Amino acid sequence: MYLDQLCVSPAHQGGGAGRHIVRMVQDEARAEGLPLRLMALNVSRANAFYVSCGFRALSSDALDTQYEWRPDAA
């Protein structure tokens, strides 16, 4: 599975909405037995957020880092 975009309005960041959405998608990936992948810009605060949600970096280039979450590792 691939999480293409997750954008939370700055006025609502830090309130748990993004984490709730990620957990819902992780639950769906777990039910299907599939890894969940996504990409974040290297300069984005989202990198720390995704790591805190259990994602691990797979690779990175000059612009982006690719992440993966596996249901068997959670």
C-alpha atoms as a PDB file:
ATOM      1  CA  MET A   1       0.000   0.000   0.000  1.00  0.00           C
ATOM      2  CA  TYR A   2       1.149   3.553  -0.635  1.00  0.00           C
ATOM      3  CA  LEU A   3       0.148   6.665   1.294  1.00  0.00           C
ATOM      4  CA  ASP A   4       0.468   9.321  -1.383  1.00  0.00           C
ATOM      5  CA  GLN A   5      -0.293  12.557   0.460  1.00  0.00           C
ATOM      6  CA  LEU A   6      -1.150  13.453   4.035  1.00  0.00           C
ATOM      7  CA  CYS A   7      -1.634  17.146   4.594  1.00  0.00           C
ATOM      8  CA  VAL A   8      -2.939  18.672   7.809  1.00  0.00           C
ATOM      9  CA  SER A   9      -3.696  22.364   8.003  1.00  0.00           C
ATOM     10  CA  PRO A  10      -1.146  24.171  10.193  1.00  0.00           C
ATOM     11  CA  ALA A  11      -3.993  25.329  12.414  1.00  0.00           C
ATOM     12  CA  HIS A  12      -4.796  21.678  13.203  1.00  0.00           C
ATOM     13  CA  GLN A  13      -1.301  20.198  13.409  1.00  0.00           C
ATOM     14  CA  GLY A  14      -0.340  18.684  16.734  1.00  0.00           C
ATOM     15  CA  GLY A  15      -3.903  17.713  17.594  1.00  0.00           C
ATOM     16  CA  GLY A  16      -3.629  14.055  16.640  1.00  0.00           C
ATOM     17  CA  ALA A  17      -5.584  14.106  13.365  1.00  0.00           C
ATOM     18  CA  GLY A  18      -2.595  13.034  11.250  1.00  0.00           C
ATOM     19  CA  ARG A  19      -1.631  10.260  13.669  1.00  0.00           C
ATOM     20  CA  HIS A  20      -5.235   9.033  13.688  1.00  0.00           C
ATOM     21  CA  ILE A  21      -5.285   8.871   9.877  1.00  0.00           C
ATOM     22  CA  VAL A  22      -1.936   7.062   9.734  1.00  0.00           C
ATOM     23  CA  ARG A  23      -3.156   4.505  12.284  1.00  0.00           C
ATOM     24  CA  MET A  24      -6.305   3.898  10.244  1.00  0.00           C
ATOM     25  CA  VAL A  25      -4.221   3.264   7.112  1.00  0.00           C
ATOM     26  CA  GLN A  26      -1.826   1.052   9.111  1.00  0.00           C
ATOM     27  CA  ASP A  27      -4.817  -0.958  10.360  1.00  0.00           C
ATOM     28  CA  GLU A  28      -5.939  -1.457   6.765  1.00  0.00           C
ATOM     29  CA  ALA A  29      -2.432  -2.527   5.700  1.00  0.00           C
ATOM     30  CA  ARG A  30      -2.260  -4.910   8.678  1.00  0.00           C
ATOM     31  CA  ALA A  31      -5.612  -6.456   7.740  1.00  0.00           C
ATOM     32  CA  GLU A  32      -4.318  -7.037   4.194  1.00  0.00           C
ATOM     33  CA  GLY A  33      -0.901  -8.208   5.370  1.00  0.00           C
ATOM     34  CA  LEU A  34       0.808  -5.557   3.256  1.00  0.00           C
ATOM     35  CA  PRO A  35       3.629  -3.099   3.907  1.00  0.00           C
ATOM     36  CA  LEU A  36       2.747   0.595   3.833  1.00  0.00           C
ATOM     37  CA  ARG A  37       5.097   2.932   2.010  1.00  0.00           C
ATOM     38  CA  LEU A  38       5.332   6.687   1.621  1.00  0.00           C
ATOM     39  CA  MET A  39       7.708   9.476   0.731  1.00  0.00           C
ATOM     40  CA  ALA A  40       8.538  12.725   2.526  1.00  0.00           C
ATOM     41  CA  LEU A  41      10.584  15.717   1.494  1.00  0.00           C
ATOM     42  CA  ASN A  42      13.902  15.715   3.355  1.00  0.00           C
ATOM     43  CA  VAL A  43      13.313  19.244   4.647  1.00  0.00           C
ATOM     44  CA  SER A  44       9.878  18.377   6.052  1.00  0.00           C
ATOM     45  CA  ARG A  45       9.015  17.943   9.729  1.00  0.00           C
ATOM     46  CA  ALA A  46       6.942  14.984   8.517  1.00  0.00           C
ATOM     47  CA  ASN A  47      10.070  12.808   8.631  1.00  0.00           C
ATOM     48  CA  ALA A  48      10.146  12.795  12.432  1.00  0.00           C
ATOM     49  CA  PHE A  49       6.379  12.278  12.509  1.00  0.00           C
ATOM     50  CA  TYR A  50       6.536   9.180  10.293  1.00  0.00           C
ATOM     51  CA  VAL A  51       9.409   7.703  12.291  1.00  0.00           C
ATOM     52  CA  SER A  52       7.342   8.232  15.454  1.00  0.00           C
ATOM     53  CA  CYS A  53       4.524   6.290  13.749  1.00  0.00           C
ATOM     54  CA  GLY A  54       6.816   3.294  13.258  1.00  0.00           C
ATOM     55  CA  PHE A  55       8.056   3.882   9.714  1.00  0.00           C
ATOM     56  CA  ARG A  56      11.676   3.173   8.832  1.00  0.00           C
ATOM     57  CA  ALA A  57      13.686   4.870   6.121  1.00  0.00           C
ATOM     58  CA  LEU A  58      14.366   2.681   3.099  1.00  0.00           C
ATOM     59  CA  SER A  59      16.297   5.108   0.928  1.00  0.00           C
ATOM     60  CA  SER A  60      16.790   8.779   0.249  1.00  0.00           C
ATOM     61  CA  ASP A  61      18.040  11.060  -2.458  1.00  0.00           C
ATOM     62  CA  ALA A  62      18.720  14.790  -2.626  1.00  0.00           C
ATOM     63  CA  LEU A  63      15.010  15.632  -2.220  1.00  0.00           C
ATOM     64  CA  ASP A  64      13.062  12.806  -0.636  1.00  0.00           C
ATOM     65  CA  THR A  65      13.198   9.917   1.801  1.00  0.00           C
ATOM     66  CA  GLN A  66      11.241   6.727   1.152  1.00  0.00           C
ATOM     67  CA  TYR A  67       9.703   5.074   4.223  1.00  0.00           C
ATOM     68  CA  GLU A  68       8.103   1.740   4.943  1.00  0.00           C
ATOM     69  CA  TRP A  69       5.972   0.373   7.758  1.00  0.00           C
ATOM     70  CA  ARG A  70       5.441  -3.378   8.017  1.00  0.00           C
ATOM     71  CA  PRO A  71       2.593  -4.916   9.979  1.00  0.00           C
ATOM     72  CA  ASP A  72       4.846  -7.745  11.175  1.00  0.00           C
ATOM     73  CA  ALA A  73       7.289  -5.227  12.691  1.00  0.00           C
ATOM     74  CA  ALA A  74       4.649  -3.290  14.613  1.00  0.00           C
END
